[in-house]
Amino acid sequence: MSETATAAAPAGAATPHRREVHELSPTTQGPLYPPSEVMDGDGNFLVVGMVNRPAPGGGTAPGWGAAVVSPASPVPEFGRLAPYTVVRELDTDPDGADRDVVLHTLPLPLPCNNYPMVFAPEQLPDADRVVRPSHAFHEVPIPDLRAEDGPKVTEPVTFGEWMRASGTLEVAVTPDGHAGTFDFRFSRLVPNSVYTVMSLRARDLDPAGPTRPGPLGVPNVFTTDAEGSGSYHATLPNPFPDPDLPGANRIINVVVLWMSYQRSYGGAIGEFGLGGDIHAHLKLRGPSFPDLRTTAAPQT
């Protein structure tokens, strides 16, 4: 990460003009459950992200890595961890042994899921009742699609292609200190596809009462060109409040997700999330932006 900034601001004060640049990492994972938002043709999770493994002294030790994980892995209650049942390690080299593995969506209801979240409460409040099989990415049944309308994702999307993706995020606090800007540049994503960008906030995974992950800006989609390149910009009000303030819910990460049904969902990131219809492709590897501060704009 690179950054430019003025002198450190007093606690609680905004950091106007402060700017950071981050490199995004290829991934297949949202939260830790389900273990991944991508499967292979045998129904195993293809995990690139935090892999829950047994700790030497007992318990569970998550660490960044890559593994094929069984859908029979134990699922603890939300907020707790258990070691994944690892089938084998996964070769993340785009030209490596796993380069030709064809990527699939997760079936519905979502396997190995403990996240008590309805992602589109006004659009599909009963999402957990929907039943669908897993589909290869290039064979997802897009609603109302006809062959004569020219679908663009018609060839298998492979793991090697997925792992070639890269992206850069430049995030900054506006001069008045009341907003944050997010500018992305991407390359080697899935070509000719719809993507969304979501924000992960500090309380989105809070076991005591998680908040709903939301889009980073609305409309919250971009499309890639034939080479998989794209860009995205958003300005959000007060995304980095002082974490000590009551109710503060800072943005701590961003996730770039491939939309398997090639749709936008308005104020929701998807109807099902977690690999049912959106699939994490790039993100930061951990909580970020601790040095950025914004304040609420004055009420008029």
Protein backbone atom coordinates (compact mmCIF):
# COMPACT_ATOMS: atom_id res chain seq x y z
CA MET A 1 0.00 0.00 0.00
CA SER A 2 1.18 3.52 -0.77
CA GLU A 3 -0.30 6.65 0.72
CA THR A 4 -0.11 10.40 0.85
CA ALA A 5 -1.35 12.39 3.80
CA THR A 6 -1.13 15.48 5.87
CA ALA A 7 0.06 15.30 9.47
CA ALA A 8 -1.84 12.89 11.69
CA ALA A 9 -5.21 14.26 12.71
CA PRO A 10 -6.42 14.42 16.31
CA ALA A 11 -8.52 11.50 17.46
CA GLY A 12 -11.99 11.75 15.97
CA ALA A 13 -11.03 14.39 13.40
CA ALA A 14 -11.30 13.89 9.66
CA THR A 15 -8.26 13.31 7.44
CA PRO A 16 -9.07 15.44 4.37
CA HIS A 17 -6.96 14.83 1.25
CA ARG A 18 -5.51 11.62 2.68
CA ARG A 19 -5.10 9.05 -0.08
CA GLU A 20 -4.10 5.38 -0.17
CA VAL A 21 -3.44 2.92 -3.00
CA HIS A 22 -4.08 -0.80 -2.50
CA GLU A 23 -3.49 -3.86 -4.65
CA LEU A 24 -6.40 -6.29 -4.64
CA SER A 25 -5.83 -10.04 -4.31
CA PRO A 26 -7.55 -12.78 -6.32
CA THR A 27 -9.94 -14.77 -4.16
CA THR A 28 -12.98 -17.03 -4.23
CA GLN A 29 -14.14 -16.27 -0.68
CA GLY A 30 -16.54 -13.91 1.02
CA PRO A 31 -16.92 -14.67 4.73
CA LEU A 32 -15.50 -17.92 6.11
CA TYR A 33 -18.82 -19.72 5.67
CA PRO A 34 -19.57 -20.96 3.11
CA PRO A 35 -15.82 -21.62 2.73
CA SER A 36 -15.88 -20.34 -0.85
CA GLU A 37 -18.21 -18.73 -3.38
CA VAL A 38 -16.94 -21.03 -6.14
CA MET A 39 -17.18 -24.82 -6.54
CA ASP A 40 -15.75 -27.44 -8.86
CA GLY A 41 -17.83 -29.91 -10.84
CA ASP A 42 -17.77 -32.42 -7.97
CA GLY A 43 -19.37 -30.04 -5.50
CA ASN A 44 -16.21 -29.20 -3.58
CA PHE A 45 -15.35 -25.66 -2.55
CA LEU A 46 -12.38 -24.05 -4.33
CA VAL A 47 -11.03 -21.87 -1.54
CA VAL A 48 -8.61 -19.03 -2.20
CA GLY A 49 -8.60 -16.96 0.95
CA MET A 50 -8.60 -17.77 4.65
CA VAL A 51 -8.39 -21.54 5.15
CA ASN A 52 -9.49 -22.81 8.56
CA ARG A 53 -6.98 -25.42 9.70
CA PRO A 54 -6.42 -27.21 13.02
CA ALA A 55 -4.27 -25.17 15.39
CA PRO A 56 -1.23 -26.91 16.93
CA GLY A 57 -2.62 -26.52 20.45
CA GLY A 58 -6.20 -27.26 19.51
CA GLY A 59 -8.87 -25.06 18.07
CA THR A 60 -8.80 -23.44 14.64
CA ALA A 61 -6.19 -21.28 12.95
CA PRO A 62 -7.32 -19.40 9.82
CA GLY A 63 -4.55 -18.48 7.40
CA TRP A 64 -4.43 -17.20 3.84
CA GLY A 65 -4.03 -20.08 1.44
CA ALA A 66 -5.75 -22.25 -1.15
CA ALA A 67 -7.42 -25.62 -0.82
CA VAL A 68 -10.16 -27.85 -2.16
CA VAL A 69 -12.61 -28.15 0.74
CA SER A 70 -15.35 -30.73 1.23
CA PRO A 71 -18.99 -29.59 1.47
CA ALA A 72 -19.20 -32.03 4.40
CA SER A 73 -16.99 -29.73 6.50
CA PRO A 74 -18.36 -29.03 9.99
CA VAL A 75 -20.34 -25.81 10.28
CA PRO A 76 -20.19 -24.06 13.66
CA GLU A 77 -22.64 -21.42 14.81
CA PHE A 78 -22.18 -17.96 13.33
CA GLY A 79 -19.16 -16.21 14.83
CA ARG A 80 -17.28 -19.40 15.66
CA LEU A 81 -14.75 -21.38 13.62
CA ALA A 82 -14.02 -25.03 12.93
CA PRO A 83 -11.29 -26.57 10.75
CA TYR A 84 -12.31 -27.17 7.16
CA THR A 85 -12.23 -30.71 5.82
CA VAL A 86 -9.47 -30.22 3.26
CA VAL A 87 -9.58 -32.62 0.32
CA ARG A 88 -6.25 -31.40 -1.07
CA GLU A 89 -4.20 -28.27 -1.57
CA LEU A 90 -5.02 -26.06 -4.55
CA ASP A 91 -2.42 -24.82 -7.04
CA THR A 92 -3.06 -21.09 -7.56
CA ASP A 93 -0.50 -20.67 -10.34
CA PRO A 94 -2.55 -19.62 -13.40
CA ASP A 95 -0.51 -22.11 -15.41
CA GLY A 96 -0.40 -24.75 -12.67
CA ALA A 97 -1.94 -28.16 -12.20
CA ASP A 98 -5.43 -26.80 -11.44
CA ARG A 99 -5.60 -24.33 -14.31
CA ASP A 100 -8.29 -26.27 -16.22
CA VAL A 101 -10.74 -26.80 -13.35
CA VAL A 102 -14.12 -25.45 -14.51
CA LEU A 103 -15.80 -23.08 -12.06
CA HIS A 104 -19.35 -23.57 -10.78
CA THR A 105 -21.88 -21.69 -8.70
CA LEU A 106 -23.00 -22.95 -5.30
CA PRO A 107 -26.34 -24.76 -5.16
CA LEU A 108 -29.29 -23.41 -3.21
CA PRO A 109 -29.87 -23.64 -0.32
CA LEU A 110 -26.24 -22.71 0.22
CA PRO A 111 -24.10 -25.52 1.68
CA CYS A 112 -21.89 -24.94 4.73
CA ASN A 113 -23.56 -21.61 5.44
CA ASN A 114 -24.02 -20.11 8.90
CA TYR A 115 -24.41 -16.44 7.97
CA PRO A 116 -27.90 -15.31 9.06
CA MET A 117 -28.33 -12.66 6.40
CA VAL A 118 -31.03 -11.84 3.85
CA PHE A 119 -29.19 -9.89 1.16
CA ALA A 120 -32.23 -8.52 -0.70
CA PRO A 121 -34.94 -8.19 1.96
CA GLU A 122 -37.36 -6.22 -0.23
CA GLN A 123 -36.76 -8.23 -3.40
CA LEU A 124 -36.48 -11.79 -2.08
CA PRO A 125 -37.15 -12.06 1.66
CA ASP A 126 -37.51 -15.86 1.46
CA ALA A 127 -34.23 -16.51 -0.33
CA ASP A 128 -33.43 -19.42 1.97
CA ARG A 129 -36.40 -21.36 0.55
CA VAL A 130 -35.19 -21.32 -3.06
CA VAL A 131 -33.77 -24.58 -4.41
CA ARG A 132 -31.38 -24.60 -7.38
CA PRO A 133 -28.58 -26.88 -8.56
CA SER A 134 -24.98 -25.85 -9.06
CA HIS A 135 -24.20 -24.62 -12.58
CA ALA A 136 -20.98 -24.20 -14.50
CA PHE A 137 -20.39 -20.46 -14.79
CA HIS A 138 -20.92 -20.49 -18.55
CA GLU A 139 -24.17 -22.46 -18.21
CA VAL A 140 -25.99 -20.37 -15.59
CA PRO A 141 -29.67 -20.07 -16.65
CA ILE A 142 -29.91 -16.29 -17.03
CA PRO A 143 -33.59 -15.28 -16.72
CA ASP A 144 -35.38 -14.69 -20.03
CA LEU A 145 -32.21 -15.34 -22.04
CA ARG A 146 -32.65 -16.56 -25.62
CA ALA A 147 -29.82 -17.87 -27.76
CA GLU A 148 -30.62 -15.34 -30.49
CA ASP A 149 -30.02 -12.49 -28.02
CA GLY A 150 -26.30 -13.22 -28.01
CA PRO A 151 -25.01 -14.46 -24.64
CA LYS A 152 -21.38 -13.46 -24.21
CA VAL A 153 -20.11 -15.91 -21.57
CA THR A 154 -20.36 -19.15 -23.53
CA GLU A 155 -17.07 -20.93 -22.79
CA PRO A 156 -16.05 -22.53 -19.48
CA VAL A 157 -14.47 -20.18 -16.95
CA THR A 158 -11.43 -21.96 -15.54
CA PHE A 159 -9.56 -21.61 -12.29
CA GLY A 160 -6.38 -20.60 -14.09
CA GLU A 161 -8.18 -17.75 -15.85
CA TRP A 162 -9.79 -16.67 -12.57
CA MET A 163 -6.42 -16.44 -10.83
CA ARG A 164 -4.97 -14.10 -13.48
CA ALA A 165 -7.20 -11.23 -12.32
CA SER A 166 -5.70 -8.10 -10.80
CA GLY A 167 -6.97 -4.79 -9.58
CA THR A 168 -5.91 -1.55 -7.94
CA LEU A 169 -7.92 0.62 -5.57
CA GLU A 170 -7.19 4.28 -4.86
CA VAL A 171 -9.21 5.47 -1.87
CA ALA A 172 -9.22 9.05 -0.60
CA VAL A 173 -10.98 11.39 1.80
CA THR A 174 -12.57 14.41 0.12
CA PRO A 175 -11.28 17.92 0.91
CA ASP A 176 -14.23 18.65 3.22
CA GLY A 177 -13.62 15.42 5.16
CA HIS A 178 -17.23 14.26 4.80
CA ALA A 179 -16.94 11.62 2.06
CA GLY A 180 -14.63 8.99 0.63
CA THR A 181 -13.83 8.29 -3.01
CA PHE A 182 -13.03 4.85 -4.39
CA ASP A 183 -11.40 4.45 -7.80
CA PHE A 184 -10.69 1.00 -9.22
CA ARG A 185 -8.80 -0.28 -12.25
CA PHE A 186 -9.07 -3.94 -13.22
CA SER A 187 -7.48 -6.32 -15.69
CA ARG A 188 -7.96 -9.96 -16.66
CA LEU A 189 -11.36 -10.37 -15.05
CA VAL A 190 -13.96 -12.58 -16.77
CA PRO A 191 -14.44 -10.89 -20.16
CA ASN A 192 -17.74 -9.36 -21.27
CA SER A 193 -19.31 -9.72 -17.84
CA VAL A 194 -21.25 -7.83 -15.21
CA TYR A 195 -19.45 -7.24 -11.92
CA THR A 196 -20.44 -5.53 -8.70
CA VAL A 197 -18.39 -3.93 -5.94
CA MET A 198 -19.52 -4.31 -2.35
CA SER A 199 -18.40 -2.70 0.86
CA LEU A 200 -17.66 -4.75 3.94
CA ARG A 201 -18.27 -2.77 7.12
CA ALA A 202 -16.98 -3.42 10.61
CA ARG A 203 -20.29 -4.76 11.91
CA ASP A 204 -21.32 -6.82 8.89
CA LEU A 205 -19.90 -9.97 10.50
CA ASP A 206 -20.69 -9.07 14.12
CA PRO A 207 -22.11 -12.18 15.85
CA ALA A 208 -24.11 -9.94 18.20
CA GLY A 209 -26.07 -8.46 15.31
CA PRO A 210 -24.62 -8.36 11.80
CA THR A 211 -25.46 -5.52 9.46
CA ARG A 212 -26.33 -6.23 5.83
CA PRO A 213 -23.38 -5.96 3.42
CA GLY A 214 -24.23 -3.39 0.79
CA PRO A 215 -23.07 -2.03 -2.53
CA LEU A 216 -20.19 0.41 -2.80
CA GLY A 217 -22.31 3.01 -4.56
CA VAL A 218 -25.58 2.69 -6.49
CA PRO A 219 -25.71 1.81 -9.35
CA ASN A 220 -23.08 -0.65 -8.22
CA VAL A 221 -22.07 -2.48 -11.40
CA PHE A 222 -19.51 -2.26 -14.17
CA THR A 223 -18.93 -4.38 -17.25
CA THR A 224 -15.65 -5.76 -18.48
CA ASP A 225 -14.46 -5.53 -22.06
CA ALA A 226 -13.34 -8.40 -24.28
CA GLU A 227 -9.97 -8.48 -22.48
CA GLY A 228 -11.47 -8.49 -18.99
CA SER A 229 -10.51 -4.89 -18.25
CA GLY A 230 -12.76 -2.45 -16.45
CA SER A 231 -12.98 0.45 -14.03
CA TYR A 232 -15.31 1.67 -11.32
CA HIS A 233 -15.77 4.82 -9.24
CA ALA A 234 -17.90 5.56 -6.19
CA THR A 235 -18.20 8.37 -3.67
CA LEU A 236 -19.76 7.44 -0.33
CA PRO A 237 -20.87 9.68 2.52
CA ASN A 238 -18.87 9.34 5.74
CA PRO A 239 -17.47 5.84 5.10
CA PHE A 240 -14.74 6.08 7.75
CA PRO A 241 -16.26 7.48 10.97
CA ASP A 242 -14.28 7.41 14.20
CA PRO A 243 -14.61 3.77 15.34
CA ASP A 244 -15.10 4.93 18.94
CA LEU A 245 -18.32 6.76 18.08
CA PRO A 246 -21.58 5.02 19.05
CA GLY A 247 -22.98 3.13 16.07
CA ALA A 248 -19.89 3.68 13.92
CA ASN A 249 -19.80 1.14 11.10
CA ARG A 250 -16.71 1.84 9.03
CA ILE A 251 -15.91 0.36 5.66
CA ILE A 252 -13.02 -2.02 6.33
CA ASN A 253 -12.79 -3.89 3.03
CA VAL A 254 -14.12 -3.98 -0.51
CA VAL A 255 -14.97 -7.02 -2.60
CA VAL A 256 -15.26 -7.25 -6.39
CA LEU A 257 -17.78 -9.92 -7.38
CA TRP A 258 -18.64 -11.61 -10.66
CA MET A 259 -22.41 -11.70 -11.26
CA SER A 260 -23.25 -15.16 -12.56
CA TYR A 261 -26.79 -14.16 -13.59
CA GLN A 262 -25.44 -10.99 -15.28
CA ARG A 263 -27.86 -8.81 -13.30
CA SER A 264 -27.86 -5.78 -11.02
CA TYR A 265 -29.96 -5.84 -7.87
CA GLY A 266 -30.45 -2.16 -7.07
CA GLY A 267 -29.68 -1.55 -3.41
CA ALA A 268 -28.65 -5.17 -2.81
CA ILE A 269 -25.47 -6.91 -3.88
CA GLY A 270 -27.44 -10.01 -4.90
CA GLU A 271 -30.50 -12.07 -4.08
CA PHE A 272 -28.62 -14.93 -2.45
CA GLY A 273 -25.01 -13.80 -2.12
CA LEU A 274 -22.21 -16.11 -1.00
CA GLY A 275 -21.79 -17.97 -4.29
CA GLY A 276 -25.47 -18.42 -5.14
CA ASP A 277 -25.46 -15.53 -7.61
CA ILE A 278 -22.38 -13.44 -6.77
CA HIS A 279 -18.80 -14.68 -6.58
CA ALA A 280 -15.90 -12.88 -4.90
CA HIS A 281 -13.04 -12.38 -7.36
CA LEU A 282 -10.84 -9.64 -5.88
CA LYS A 283 -10.53 -8.15 -2.40
CA LEU A 284 -8.12 -6.91 0.24
CA ARG A 285 -6.71 -9.68 2.39
CA GLY A 286 -7.78 -8.18 5.71
CA PRO A 287 -9.35 -5.18 7.46
CA SER A 288 -8.03 -1.96 5.92
CA PHE A 289 -8.22 1.85 5.96
CA PRO A 290 -7.50 2.35 9.72
CA ASP A 291 -5.80 5.70 9.10
CA LEU A 292 -8.69 7.23 7.15
CA ARG A 293 -11.27 9.34 8.99
CA THR A 294 -14.42 11.08 7.80
CA THR A 295 -17.12 13.00 9.63
CA ALA A 296 -20.82 13.40 8.94
CA ALA A 297 -21.79 16.38 6.81
CA PRO A 298 -23.70 19.14 8.64
CA GLN A 299 -27.47 18.74 8.55
CA THR A 300 -29.24 21.36 6.45
